[in-house]
Amino acid sequence: AGGSGMQDIWTASRTSTQDAFSGV
């Protein structure tokens, strides 16, 4: 939900490679 209804490209980031991704 929140995209076009088909397969879309999503992204997230993190401040270090030890962290979980956020800001989807």
PDBML (XML) file of the C-alpha atoms, coordinates in Angstrom:
<?xml version="1.0" encoding="UTF-8" ?>
<PDBx:datablock datablockName="MODEL"
   xmlns:PDBx="http://pdbml.pdb.org/schema/pdbx-v50.xsd"
   xmlns:xsi="http://www.w3.org/2001/XMLSchema-instance"
   xsi:schemaLocation="http://pdbml.pdb.org/schema/pdbx-v50.xsd pdbx-v50.xsd">
   <PDBx:atom_siteCategory>
      <PDBx:atom_site id="1">
         <PDBx:B_iso_or_equiv>0.00</PDBx:B_iso_or_equiv>
         <PDBx:Cartn_x>0.000</PDBx:Cartn_x>
         <PDBx:Cartn_y>0.000</PDBx:Cartn_y>
         <PDBx:Cartn_z>0.000</PDBx:Cartn_z>
         <PDBx:auth_asym_id>A</PDBx:auth_asym_id>
         <PDBx:auth_atom_id>CA</PDBx:auth_atom_id>
         <PDBx:auth_comp_id>ALA</PDBx:auth_comp_id>
         <PDBx:auth_seq_id>1</PDBx:auth_seq_id>
         <PDBx:group_PDB>ATOM</PDBx:group_PDB>
         <PDBx:label_alt_id xsi:nil="true" />
         <PDBx:label_asym_id>A</PDBx:label_asym_id>
         <PDBx:label_atom_id>CA</PDBx:label_atom_id>
         <PDBx:label_comp_id>ALA</PDBx:label_comp_id>
         <PDBx:label_entity_id>1</PDBx:label_entity_id>
         <PDBx:label_seq_id>1</PDBx:label_seq_id>
         <PDBx:occupancy>1.00</PDBx:occupancy>
         <PDBx:pdbx_PDB_model_num>1</PDBx:pdbx_PDB_model_num>
         <PDBx:type_symbol>C</PDBx:type_symbol>
      </PDBx:atom_site>
      <PDBx:atom_site id="2">
         <PDBx:B_iso_or_equiv>0.00</PDBx:B_iso_or_equiv>
         <PDBx:Cartn_x>1.146</PDBx:Cartn_x>
         <PDBx:Cartn_y>3.526</PDBx:Cartn_y>
         <PDBx:Cartn_z>-0.782</PDBx:Cartn_z>
         <PDBx:auth_asym_id>A</PDBx:auth_asym_id>
         <PDBx:auth_atom_id>CA</PDBx:auth_atom_id>
         <PDBx:auth_comp_id>GLY</PDBx:auth_comp_id>
         <PDBx:auth_seq_id>2</PDBx:auth_seq_id>
         <PDBx:group_PDB>ATOM</PDBx:group_PDB>
         <PDBx:label_alt_id xsi:nil="true" />
         <PDBx:label_asym_id>A</PDBx:label_asym_id>
         <PDBx:label_atom_id>CA</PDBx:label_atom_id>
         <PDBx:label_comp_id>GLY</PDBx:label_comp_id>
         <PDBx:label_entity_id>1</PDBx:label_entity_id>
         <PDBx:label_seq_id>2</PDBx:label_seq_id>
         <PDBx:occupancy>1.00</PDBx:occupancy>
         <PDBx:pdbx_PDB_model_num>1</PDBx:pdbx_PDB_model_num>
         <PDBx:type_symbol>C</PDBx:type_symbol>
      </PDBx:atom_site>
      <PDBx:atom_site id="3">
         <PDBx:B_iso_or_equiv>0.00</PDBx:B_iso_or_equiv>
         <PDBx:Cartn_x>2.570</PDBx:Cartn_x>
         <PDBx:Cartn_y>2.736</PDBx:Cartn_y>
         <PDBx:Cartn_z>-4.202</PDBx:Cartn_z>
         <PDBx:auth_asym_id>A</PDBx:auth_asym_id>
         <PDBx:auth_atom_id>CA</PDBx:auth_atom_id>
         <PDBx:auth_comp_id>GLY</PDBx:auth_comp_id>
         <PDBx:auth_seq_id>3</PDBx:auth_seq_id>
         <PDBx:group_PDB>ATOM</PDBx:group_PDB>
         <PDBx:label_alt_id xsi:nil="true" />
         <PDBx:label_asym_id>A</PDBx:label_asym_id>
         <PDBx:label_atom_id>CA</PDBx:label_atom_id>
         <PDBx:label_comp_id>GLY</PDBx:label_comp_id>
         <PDBx:label_entity_id>1</PDBx:label_entity_id>
         <PDBx:label_seq_id>3</PDBx:label_seq_id>
         <PDBx:occupancy>1.00</PDBx:occupancy>
         <PDBx:pdbx_PDB_model_num>1</PDBx:pdbx_PDB_model_num>
         <PDBx:type_symbol>C</PDBx:type_symbol>
      </PDBx:atom_site>
      <PDBx:atom_site id="4">
         <PDBx:B_iso_or_equiv>0.00</PDBx:B_iso_or_equiv>
         <PDBx:Cartn_x>1.054</PDBx:Cartn_x>
         <PDBx:Cartn_y>2.536</PDBx:Cartn_y>
         <PDBx:Cartn_z>-7.676</PDBx:Cartn_z>
         <PDBx:auth_asym_id>A</PDBx:auth_asym_id>
         <PDBx:auth_atom_id>CA</PDBx:auth_atom_id>
         <PDBx:auth_comp_id>SER</PDBx:auth_comp_id>
         <PDBx:auth_seq_id>4</PDBx:auth_seq_id>
         <PDBx:group_PDB>ATOM</PDBx:group_PDB>
         <PDBx:label_alt_id xsi:nil="true" />
         <PDBx:label_asym_id>A</PDBx:label_asym_id>
         <PDBx:label_atom_id>CA</PDBx:label_atom_id>
         <PDBx:label_comp_id>SER</PDBx:label_comp_id>
         <PDBx:label_entity_id>1</PDBx:label_entity_id>
         <PDBx:label_seq_id>4</PDBx:label_seq_id>
         <PDBx:occupancy>1.00</PDBx:occupancy>
         <PDBx:pdbx_PDB_model_num>1</PDBx:pdbx_PDB_model_num>
         <PDBx:type_symbol>C</PDBx:type_symbol>
      </PDBx:atom_site>
      <PDBx:atom_site id="5">
         <PDBx:B_iso_or_equiv>0.00</PDBx:B_iso_or_equiv>
         <PDBx:Cartn_x>-0.671</PDBx:Cartn_x>
         <PDBx:Cartn_y>-0.778</PDBx:Cartn_y>
         <PDBx:Cartn_z>-6.969</PDBx:Cartn_z>
         <PDBx:auth_asym_id>A</PDBx:auth_asym_id>
         <PDBx:auth_atom_id>CA</PDBx:auth_atom_id>
         <PDBx:auth_comp_id>GLY</PDBx:auth_comp_id>
         <PDBx:auth_seq_id>5</PDBx:auth_seq_id>
         <PDBx:group_PDB>ATOM</PDBx:group_PDB>
         <PDBx:label_alt_id xsi:nil="true" />
         <PDBx:label_asym_id>A</PDBx:label_asym_id>
         <PDBx:label_atom_id>CA</PDBx:label_atom_id>
         <PDBx:label_comp_id>GLY</PDBx:label_comp_id>
         <PDBx:label_entity_id>1</PDBx:label_entity_id>
         <PDBx:label_seq_id>5</PDBx:label_seq_id>
         <PDBx:occupancy>1.00</PDBx:occupancy>
         <PDBx:pdbx_PDB_model_num>1</PDBx:pdbx_PDB_model_num>
         <PDBx:type_symbol>C</PDBx:type_symbol>
      </PDBx:atom_site>
      <PDBx:atom_site id="6">
         <PDBx:B_iso_or_equiv>0.00</PDBx:B_iso_or_equiv>
         <PDBx:Cartn_x>1.861</PDBx:Cartn_x>
         <PDBx:Cartn_y>-2.793</PDBx:Cartn_y>
         <PDBx:Cartn_z>-8.968</PDBx:Cartn_z>
         <PDBx:auth_asym_id>A</PDBx:auth_asym_id>
         <PDBx:auth_atom_id>CA</PDBx:auth_atom_id>
         <PDBx:auth_comp_id>MET</PDBx:auth_comp_id>
         <PDBx:auth_seq_id>6</PDBx:auth_seq_id>
         <PDBx:group_PDB>ATOM</PDBx:group_PDB>
         <PDBx:label_alt_id xsi:nil="true" />
         <PDBx:label_asym_id>A</PDBx:label_asym_id>
         <PDBx:label_atom_id>CA</PDBx:label_atom_id>
         <PDBx:label_comp_id>MET</PDBx:label_comp_id>
         <PDBx:label_entity_id>1</PDBx:label_entity_id>
         <PDBx:label_seq_id>6</PDBx:label_seq_id>
         <PDBx:occupancy>1.00</PDBx:occupancy>
         <PDBx:pdbx_PDB_model_num>1</PDBx:pdbx_PDB_model_num>
         <PDBx:type_symbol>C</PDBx:type_symbol>
      </PDBx:atom_site>
      <PDBx:atom_site id="7">
         <PDBx:B_iso_or_equiv>0.00</PDBx:B_iso_or_equiv>
         <PDBx:Cartn_x>5.494</PDBx:Cartn_x>
         <PDBx:Cartn_y>-3.608</PDBx:Cartn_y>
         <PDBx:Cartn_z>-8.174</PDBx:Cartn_z>
         <PDBx:auth_asym_id>A</PDBx:auth_asym_id>
         <PDBx:auth_atom_id>CA</PDBx:auth_atom_id>
         <PDBx:auth_comp_id>GLN</PDBx:auth_comp_id>
         <PDBx:auth_seq_id>7</PDBx:auth_seq_id>
         <PDBx:group_PDB>ATOM</PDBx:group_PDB>
         <PDBx:label_alt_id xsi:nil="true" />
         <PDBx:label_asym_id>A</PDBx:label_asym_id>
         <PDBx:label_atom_id>CA</PDBx:label_atom_id>
         <PDBx:label_comp_id>GLN</PDBx:label_comp_id>
         <PDBx:label_entity_id>1</PDBx:label_entity_id>
         <PDBx:label_seq_id>7</PDBx:label_seq_id>
         <PDBx:occupancy>1.00</PDBx:occupancy>
         <PDBx:pdbx_PDB_model_num>1</PDBx:pdbx_PDB_model_num>
         <PDBx:type_symbol>C</PDBx:type_symbol>
      </PDBx:atom_site>
      <PDBx:atom_site id="8">
         <PDBx:B_iso_or_equiv>0.00</PDBx:B_iso_or_equiv>
         <PDBx:Cartn_x>7.247</PDBx:Cartn_x>
         <PDBx:Cartn_y>-0.345</PDBx:Cartn_y>
         <PDBx:Cartn_z>-7.338</PDBx:Cartn_z>
         <PDBx:auth_asym_id>A</PDBx:auth_asym_id>
         <PDBx:auth_atom_id>CA</PDBx:auth_atom_id>
         <PDBx:auth_comp_id>ASP</PDBx:auth_comp_id>
         <PDBx:auth_seq_id>8</PDBx:auth_seq_id>
         <PDBx:group_PDB>ATOM</PDBx:group_PDB>
         <PDBx:label_alt_id xsi:nil="true" />
         <PDBx:label_asym_id>A</PDBx:label_asym_id>
         <PDBx:label_atom_id>CA</PDBx:label_atom_id>
         <PDBx:label_comp_id>ASP</PDBx:label_comp_id>
         <PDBx:label_entity_id>1</PDBx:label_entity_id>
         <PDBx:label_seq_id>8</PDBx:label_seq_id>
         <PDBx:occupancy>1.00</PDBx:occupancy>
         <PDBx:pdbx_PDB_model_num>1</PDBx:pdbx_PDB_model_num>
         <PDBx:type_symbol>C</PDBx:type_symbol>
      </PDBx:atom_site>
      <PDBx:atom_site id="9">
         <PDBx:B_iso_or_equiv>0.00</PDBx:B_iso_or_equiv>
         <PDBx:Cartn_x>10.762</PDBx:Cartn_x>
         <PDBx:Cartn_y>0.447</PDBx:Cartn_y>
         <PDBx:Cartn_z>-6.160</PDBx:Cartn_z>
         <PDBx:auth_asym_id>A</PDBx:auth_asym_id>
         <PDBx:auth_atom_id>CA</PDBx:auth_atom_id>
         <PDBx:auth_comp_id>ILE</PDBx:auth_comp_id>
         <PDBx:auth_seq_id>9</PDBx:auth_seq_id>
         <PDBx:group_PDB>ATOM</PDBx:group_PDB>
         <PDBx:label_alt_id xsi:nil="true" />
         <PDBx:label_asym_id>A</PDBx:label_asym_id>
         <PDBx:label_atom_id>CA</PDBx:label_atom_id>
         <PDBx:label_comp_id>ILE</PDBx:label_comp_id>
         <PDBx:label_entity_id>1</PDBx:label_entity_id>
         <PDBx:label_seq_id>9</PDBx:label_seq_id>
         <PDBx:occupancy>1.00</PDBx:occupancy>
         <PDBx:pdbx_PDB_model_num>1</PDBx:pdbx_PDB_model_num>
         <PDBx:type_symbol>C</PDBx:type_symbol>
      </PDBx:atom_site>
      <PDBx:atom_site id="10">
         <PDBx:B_iso_or_equiv>0.00</PDBx:B_iso_or_equiv>
         <PDBx:Cartn_x>11.003</PDBx:Cartn_x>
         <PDBx:Cartn_y>1.267</PDBx:Cartn_y>
         <PDBx:Cartn_z>-2.449</PDBx:Cartn_z>
         <PDBx:auth_asym_id>A</PDBx:auth_asym_id>
         <PDBx:auth_atom_id>CA</PDBx:auth_atom_id>
         <PDBx:auth_comp_id>TRP</PDBx:auth_comp_id>
         <PDBx:auth_seq_id>10</PDBx:auth_seq_id>
         <PDBx:group_PDB>ATOM</PDBx:group_PDB>
         <PDBx:label_alt_id xsi:nil="true" />
         <PDBx:label_asym_id>A</PDBx:label_asym_id>
         <PDBx:label_atom_id>CA</PDBx:label_atom_id>
         <PDBx:label_comp_id>TRP</PDBx:label_comp_id>
         <PDBx:label_entity_id>1</PDBx:label_entity_id>
         <PDBx:label_seq_id>10</PDBx:label_seq_id>
         <PDBx:occupancy>1.00</PDBx:occupancy>
         <PDBx:pdbx_PDB_model_num>1</PDBx:pdbx_PDB_model_num>
         <PDBx:type_symbol>C</PDBx:type_symbol>
      </PDBx:atom_site>
      <PDBx:atom_site id="11">
         <PDBx:B_iso_or_equiv>0.00</PDBx:B_iso_or_equiv>
         <PDBx:Cartn_x>13.986</PDBx:Cartn_x>
         <PDBx:Cartn_y>2.503</PDBx:Cartn_y>
         <PDBx:Cartn_z>-0.480</PDBx:Cartn_z>
         <PDBx:auth_asym_id>A</PDBx:auth_asym_id>
         <PDBx:auth_atom_id>CA</PDBx:auth_atom_id>
         <PDBx:auth_comp_id>THR</PDBx:auth_comp_id>
         <PDBx:auth_seq_id>11</PDBx:auth_seq_id>
         <PDBx:group_PDB>ATOM</PDBx:group_PDB>
         <PDBx:label_alt_id xsi:nil="true" />
         <PDBx:label_asym_id>A</PDBx:label_asym_id>
         <PDBx:label_atom_id>CA</PDBx:label_atom_id>
         <PDBx:label_comp_id>THR</PDBx:label_comp_id>
         <PDBx:label_entity_id>1</PDBx:label_entity_id>
         <PDBx:label_seq_id>11</PDBx:label_seq_id>
         <PDBx:occupancy>1.00</PDBx:occupancy>
         <PDBx:pdbx_PDB_model_num>1</PDBx:pdbx_PDB_model_num>
         <PDBx:type_symbol>C</PDBx:type_symbol>
      </PDBx:atom_site>
      <PDBx:atom_site id="12">
         <PDBx:B_iso_or_equiv>0.00</PDBx:B_iso_or_equiv>
         <PDBx:Cartn_x>15.204</PDBx:Cartn_x>
         <PDBx:Cartn_y>2.862</PDBx:Cartn_y>
         <PDBx:Cartn_z>3.090</PDBx:Cartn_z>
         <PDBx:auth_asym_id>A</PDBx:auth_asym_id>
         <PDBx:auth_atom_id>CA</PDBx:auth_atom_id>
         <PDBx:auth_comp_id>ALA</PDBx:auth_comp_id>
         <PDBx:auth_seq_id>12</PDBx:auth_seq_id>
         <PDBx:group_PDB>ATOM</PDBx:group_PDB>
         <PDBx:label_alt_id xsi:nil="true" />
         <PDBx:label_asym_id>A</PDBx:label_asym_id>
         <PDBx:label_atom_id>CA</PDBx:label_atom_id>
         <PDBx:label_comp_id>ALA</PDBx:label_comp_id>
         <PDBx:label_entity_id>1</PDBx:label_entity_id>
         <PDBx:label_seq_id>12</PDBx:label_seq_id>
         <PDBx:occupancy>1.00</PDBx:occupancy>
         <PDBx:pdbx_PDB_model_num>1</PDBx:pdbx_PDB_model_num>
         <PDBx:type_symbol>C</PDBx:type_symbol>
      </PDBx:atom_site>
      <PDBx:atom_site id="13">
         <PDBx:B_iso_or_equiv>0.00</PDBx:B_iso_or_equiv>
         <PDBx:Cartn_x>18.437</PDBx:Cartn_x>
         <PDBx:Cartn_y>4.027</PDBx:Cartn_y>
         <PDBx:Cartn_z>4.712</PDBx:Cartn_z>
         <PDBx:auth_asym_id>A</PDBx:auth_asym_id>
         <PDBx:auth_atom_id>CA</PDBx:auth_atom_id>
         <PDBx:auth_comp_id>SER</PDBx:auth_comp_id>
         <PDBx:auth_seq_id>13</PDBx:auth_seq_id>
         <PDBx:group_PDB>ATOM</PDBx:group_PDB>
         <PDBx:label_alt_id xsi:nil="true" />
         <PDBx:label_asym_id>A</PDBx:label_asym_id>
         <PDBx:label_atom_id>CA</PDBx:label_atom_id>
         <PDBx:label_comp_id>SER</PDBx:label_comp_id>
         <PDBx:label_entity_id>1</PDBx:label_entity_id>
         <PDBx:label_seq_id>13</PDBx:label_seq_id>
         <PDBx:occupancy>1.00</PDBx:occupancy>
         <PDBx:pdbx_PDB_model_num>1</PDBx:pdbx_PDB_model_num>
         <PDBx:type_symbol>C</PDBx:type_symbol>
      </PDBx:atom_site>
      <PDBx:atom_site id="14">
         <PDBx:B_iso_or_equiv>0.00</PDBx:B_iso_or_equiv>
         <PDBx:Cartn_x>20.519</PDBx:Cartn_x>
         <PDBx:Cartn_y>3.691</PDBx:Cartn_y>
         <PDBx:Cartn_z>7.862</PDBx:Cartn_z>
         <PDBx:auth_asym_id>A</PDBx:auth_asym_id>
         <PDBx:auth_atom_id>CA</PDBx:auth_atom_id>
         <PDBx:auth_comp_id>ARG</PDBx:auth_comp_id>
         <PDBx:auth_seq_id>14</PDBx:auth_seq_id>
         <PDBx:group_PDB>ATOM</PDBx:group_PDB>
         <PDBx:label_alt_id xsi:nil="true" />
         <PDBx:label_asym_id>A</PDBx:label_asym_id>
         <PDBx:label_atom_id>CA</PDBx:label_atom_id>
         <PDBx:label_comp_id>ARG</PDBx:label_comp_id>
         <PDBx:label_entity_id>1</PDBx:label_entity_id>
         <PDBx:label_seq_id>14</PDBx:label_seq_id>
         <PDBx:occupancy>1.00</PDBx:occupancy>
         <PDBx:pdbx_PDB_model_num>1</PDBx:pdbx_PDB_model_num>
         <PDBx:type_symbol>C</PDBx:type_symbol>
      </PDBx:atom_site>
      <PDBx:atom_site id="15">
         <PDBx:B_iso_or_equiv>0.00</PDBx:B_iso_or_equiv>
         <PDBx:Cartn_x>23.311</PDBx:Cartn_x>
         <PDBx:Cartn_y>5.637</PDBx:Cartn_y>
         <PDBx:Cartn_z>9.542</PDBx:Cartn_z>
         <PDBx:auth_asym_id>A</PDBx:auth_asym_id>
         <PDBx:auth_atom_id>CA</PDBx:auth_atom_id>
         <PDBx:auth_comp_id>THR</PDBx:auth_comp_id>
         <PDBx:auth_seq_id>15</PDBx:auth_seq_id>
         <PDBx:group_PDB>ATOM</PDBx:group_PDB>
         <PDBx:label_alt_id xsi:nil="true" />
         <PDBx:label_asym_id>A</PDBx:label_asym_id>
         <PDBx:label_atom_id>CA</PDBx:label_atom_id>
         <PDBx:label_comp_id>THR</PDBx:label_comp_id>
         <PDBx:label_entity_id>1</PDBx:label_entity_id>
         <PDBx:label_seq_id>15</PDBx:label_seq_id>
         <PDBx:occupancy>1.00</PDBx:occupancy>
         <PDBx:pdbx_PDB_model_num>1</PDBx:pdbx_PDB_model_num>
         <PDBx:type_symbol>C</PDBx:type_symbol>
      </PDBx:atom_site>
      <PDBx:atom_site id="16">
         <PDBx:B_iso_or_equiv>0.00</PDBx:B_iso_or_equiv>
         <PDBx:Cartn_x>25.690</PDBx:Cartn_x>
         <PDBx:Cartn_y>2.672</PDBx:Cartn_y>
         <PDBx:Cartn_z>9.870</PDBx:Cartn_z>
         <PDBx:auth_asym_id>A</PDBx:auth_asym_id>
         <PDBx:auth_atom_id>CA</PDBx:auth_atom_id>
         <PDBx:auth_comp_id>SER</PDBx:auth_comp_id>
         <PDBx:auth_seq_id>16</PDBx:auth_seq_id>
         <PDBx:group_PDB>ATOM</PDBx:group_PDB>
         <PDBx:label_alt_id xsi:nil="true" />
         <PDBx:label_asym_id>A</PDBx:label_asym_id>
         <PDBx:label_atom_id>CA</PDBx:label_atom_id>
         <PDBx:label_comp_id>SER</PDBx:label_comp_id>
         <PDBx:label_entity_id>1</PDBx:label_entity_id>
         <PDBx:label_seq_id>16</PDBx:label_seq_id>
         <PDBx:occupancy>1.00</PDBx:occupancy>
         <PDBx:pdbx_PDB_model_num>1</PDBx:pdbx_PDB_model_num>
         <PDBx:type_symbol>C</PDBx:type_symbol>
      </PDBx:atom_site>
      <PDBx:atom_site id="17">
         <PDBx:B_iso_or_equiv>0.00</PDBx:B_iso_or_equiv>
         <PDBx:Cartn_x>25.861</PDBx:Cartn_x>
         <PDBx:Cartn_y>-0.838</PDBx:Cartn_y>
         <PDBx:Cartn_z>8.516</PDBx:Cartn_z>
         <PDBx:auth_asym_id>A</PDBx:auth_asym_id>
         <PDBx:auth_atom_id>CA</PDBx:auth_atom_id>
         <PDBx:auth_comp_id>THR</PDBx:auth_comp_id>
         <PDBx:auth_seq_id>17</PDBx:auth_seq_id>
         <PDBx:group_PDB>ATOM</PDBx:group_PDB>
         <PDBx:label_alt_id xsi:nil="true" />
         <PDBx:label_asym_id>A</PDBx:label_asym_id>
         <PDBx:label_atom_id>CA</PDBx:label_atom_id>
         <PDBx:label_comp_id>THR</PDBx:label_comp_id>
         <PDBx:label_entity_id>1</PDBx:label_entity_id>
         <PDBx:label_seq_id>17</PDBx:label_seq_id>
         <PDBx:occupancy>1.00</PDBx:occupancy>
         <PDBx:pdbx_PDB_model_num>1</PDBx:pdbx_PDB_model_num>
         <PDBx:type_symbol>C</PDBx:type_symbol>
      </PDBx:atom_site>
      <PDBx:atom_site id="18">
         <PDBx:B_iso_or_equiv>0.00</PDBx:B_iso_or_equiv>
         <PDBx:Cartn_x>25.239</PDBx:Cartn_x>
         <PDBx:Cartn_y>-2.144</PDBx:Cartn_y>
         <PDBx:Cartn_z>12.033</PDBx:Cartn_z>
         <PDBx:auth_asym_id>A</PDBx:auth_asym_id>
         <PDBx:auth_atom_id>CA</PDBx:auth_atom_id>
         <PDBx:auth_comp_id>GLN</PDBx:auth_comp_id>
         <PDBx:auth_seq_id>18</PDBx:auth_seq_id>
         <PDBx:group_PDB>ATOM</PDBx:group_PDB>
         <PDBx:label_alt_id xsi:nil="true" />
         <PDBx:label_asym_id>A</PDBx:label_asym_id>
         <PDBx:label_atom_id>CA</PDBx:label_atom_id>
         <PDBx:label_comp_id>GLN</PDBx:label_comp_id>
         <PDBx:label_entity_id>1</PDBx:label_entity_id>
         <PDBx:label_seq_id>18</PDBx:label_seq_id>
         <PDBx:occupancy>1.00</PDBx:occupancy>
         <PDBx:pdbx_PDB_model_num>1</PDBx:pdbx_PDB_model_num>
         <PDBx:type_symbol>C</PDBx:type_symbol>
      </PDBx:atom_site>
      <PDBx:atom_site id="19">
         <PDBx:B_iso_or_equiv>0.00</PDBx:B_iso_or_equiv>
         <PDBx:Cartn_x>21.788</PDBx:Cartn_x>
         <PDBx:Cartn_y>-0.494</PDBx:Cartn_y>
         <PDBx:Cartn_z>12.161</PDBx:Cartn_z>
         <PDBx:auth_asym_id>A</PDBx:auth_asym_id>
         <PDBx:auth_atom_id>CA</PDBx:auth_atom_id>
         <PDBx:auth_comp_id>ASP</PDBx:auth_comp_id>
         <PDBx:auth_seq_id>19</PDBx:auth_seq_id>
         <PDBx:group_PDB>ATOM</PDBx:group_PDB>
         <PDBx:label_alt_id xsi:nil="true" />
         <PDBx:label_asym_id>A</PDBx:label_asym_id>
         <PDBx:label_atom_id>CA</PDBx:label_atom_id>
         <PDBx:label_comp_id>ASP</PDBx:label_comp_id>
         <PDBx:label_entity_id>1</PDBx:label_entity_id>
         <PDBx:label_seq_id>19</PDBx:label_seq_id>
         <PDBx:occupancy>1.00</PDBx:occupancy>
         <PDBx:pdbx_PDB_model_num>1</PDBx:pdbx_PDB_model_num>
         <PDBx:type_symbol>C</PDBx:type_symbol>
      </PDBx:atom_site>
      <PDBx:atom_site id="20">
         <PDBx:B_iso_or_equiv>0.00</PDBx:B_iso_or_equiv>
         <PDBx:Cartn_x>18.391</PDBx:Cartn_x>
         <PDBx:Cartn_y>-1.522</PDBx:Cartn_y>
         <PDBx:Cartn_z>10.858</PDBx:Cartn_z>
         <PDBx:auth_asym_id>A</PDBx:auth_asym_id>
         <PDBx:auth_atom_id>CA</PDBx:auth_atom_id>
         <PDBx:auth_comp_id>ALA</PDBx:auth_comp_id>
         <PDBx:auth_seq_id>20</PDBx:auth_seq_id>
         <PDBx:group_PDB>ATOM</PDBx:group_PDB>
         <PDBx:label_alt_id xsi:nil="true" />
         <PDBx:label_asym_id>A</PDBx:label_asym_id>
         <PDBx:label_atom_id>CA</PDBx:label_atom_id>
         <PDBx:label_comp_id>ALA</PDBx:label_comp_id>
         <PDBx:label_entity_id>1</PDBx:label_entity_id>
         <PDBx:label_seq_id>20</PDBx:label_seq_id>
         <PDBx:occupancy>1.00</PDBx:occupancy>
         <PDBx:pdbx_PDB_model_num>1</PDBx:pdbx_PDB_model_num>
         <PDBx:type_symbol>C</PDBx:type_symbol>
      </PDBx:atom_site>
      <PDBx:atom_site id="21">
         <PDBx:B_iso_or_equiv>0.00</PDBx:B_iso_or_equiv>
         <PDBx:Cartn_x>17.020</PDBx:Cartn_x>
         <PDBx:Cartn_y>0.302</PDBx:Cartn_y>
         <PDBx:Cartn_z>7.814</PDBx:Cartn_z>
         <PDBx:auth_asym_id>A</PDBx:auth_asym_id>
         <PDBx:auth_atom_id>CA</PDBx:auth_atom_id>
         <PDBx:auth_comp_id>PHE</PDBx:auth_comp_id>
         <PDBx:auth_seq_id>21</PDBx:auth_seq_id>
         <PDBx:group_PDB>ATOM</PDBx:group_PDB>
         <PDBx:label_alt_id xsi:nil="true" />
         <PDBx:label_asym_id>A</PDBx:label_asym_id>
         <PDBx:label_atom_id>CA</PDBx:label_atom_id>
         <PDBx:label_comp_id>PHE</PDBx:label_comp_id>
         <PDBx:label_entity_id>1</PDBx:label_entity_id>
         <PDBx:label_seq_id>21</PDBx:label_seq_id>
         <PDBx:occupancy>1.00</PDBx:occupancy>
         <PDBx:pdbx_PDB_model_num>1</PDBx:pdbx_PDB_model_num>
         <PDBx:type_symbol>C</PDBx:type_symbol>
      </PDBx:atom_site>
      <PDBx:atom_site id="22">
         <PDBx:B_iso_or_equiv>0.00</PDBx:B_iso_or_equiv>
         <PDBx:Cartn_x>14.361</PDBx:Cartn_x>
         <PDBx:Cartn_y>2.965</PDBx:Cartn_y>
         <PDBx:Cartn_z>8.397</PDBx:Cartn_z>
         <PDBx:auth_asym_id>A</PDBx:auth_asym_id>
         <PDBx:auth_atom_id>CA</PDBx:auth_atom_id>
         <PDBx:auth_comp_id>SER</PDBx:auth_comp_id>
         <PDBx:auth_seq_id>22</PDBx:auth_seq_id>
         <PDBx:group_PDB>ATOM</PDBx:group_PDB>
         <PDBx:label_alt_id xsi:nil="true" />
         <PDBx:label_asym_id>A</PDBx:label_asym_id>
         <PDBx:label_atom_id>CA</PDBx:label_atom_id>
         <PDBx:label_comp_id>SER</PDBx:label_comp_id>
         <PDBx:label_entity_id>1</PDBx:label_entity_id>
         <PDBx:label_seq_id>22</PDBx:label_seq_id>
         <PDBx:occupancy>1.00</PDBx:occupancy>
         <PDBx:pdbx_PDB_model_num>1</PDBx:pdbx_PDB_model_num>
         <PDBx:type_symbol>C</PDBx:type_symbol>
      </PDBx:atom_site>
      <PDBx:atom_site id="23">
         <PDBx:B_iso_or_equiv>0.00</PDBx:B_iso_or_equiv>
         <PDBx:Cartn_x>12.535</PDBx:Cartn_x>
         <PDBx:Cartn_y>5.764</PDBx:Cartn_y>
         <PDBx:Cartn_z>6.595</PDBx:Cartn_z>
         <PDBx:auth_asym_id>A</PDBx:auth_asym_id>
         <PDBx:auth_atom_id>CA</PDBx:auth_atom_id>
         <PDBx:auth_comp_id>GLY</PDBx:auth_comp_id>
         <PDBx:auth_seq_id>23</PDBx:auth_seq_id>
         <PDBx:group_PDB>ATOM</PDBx:group_PDB>
         <PDBx:label_alt_id xsi:nil="true" />
         <PDBx:label_asym_id>A</PDBx:label_asym_id>
         <PDBx:label_atom_id>CA</PDBx:label_atom_id>
         <PDBx:label_comp_id>GLY</PDBx:label_comp_id>
         <PDBx:label_entity_id>1</PDBx:label_entity_id>
         <PDBx:label_seq_id>23</PDBx:label_seq_id>
         <PDBx:occupancy>1.00</PDBx:occupancy>
         <PDBx:pdbx_PDB_model_num>1</PDBx:pdbx_PDB_model_num>
         <PDBx:type_symbol>C</PDBx:type_symbol>
      </PDBx:atom_site>
      <PDBx:atom_site id="24">
         <PDBx:B_iso_or_equiv>0.00</PDBx:B_iso_or_equiv>
         <PDBx:Cartn_x>10.809</PDBx:Cartn_x>
         <PDBx:Cartn_y>3.418</PDBx:Cartn_y>
         <PDBx:Cartn_z>4.150</PDBx:Cartn_z>
         <PDBx:auth_asym_id>A</PDBx:auth_asym_id>
         <PDBx:auth_atom_id>CA</PDBx:auth_atom_id>
         <PDBx:auth_comp_id>VAL</PDBx:auth_comp_id>
         <PDBx:auth_seq_id>24</PDBx:auth_seq_id>
         <PDBx:group_PDB>ATOM</PDBx:group_PDB>
         <PDBx:label_alt_id xsi:nil="true" />
         <PDBx:label_asym_id>A</PDBx:label_asym_id>
         <PDBx:label_atom_id>CA</PDBx:label_atom_id>
         <PDBx:label_comp_id>VAL</PDBx:label_comp_id>
         <PDBx:label_entity_id>1</PDBx:label_entity_id>
         <PDBx:label_seq_id>24</PDBx:label_seq_id>
         <PDBx:occupancy>1.00</PDBx:occupancy>
         <PDBx:pdbx_PDB_model_num>1</PDBx:pdbx_PDB_model_num>
         <PDBx:type_symbol>C</PDBx:type_symbol>
      </PDBx:atom_site>
   </PDBx:atom_siteCategory>
</PDBx:datablock>
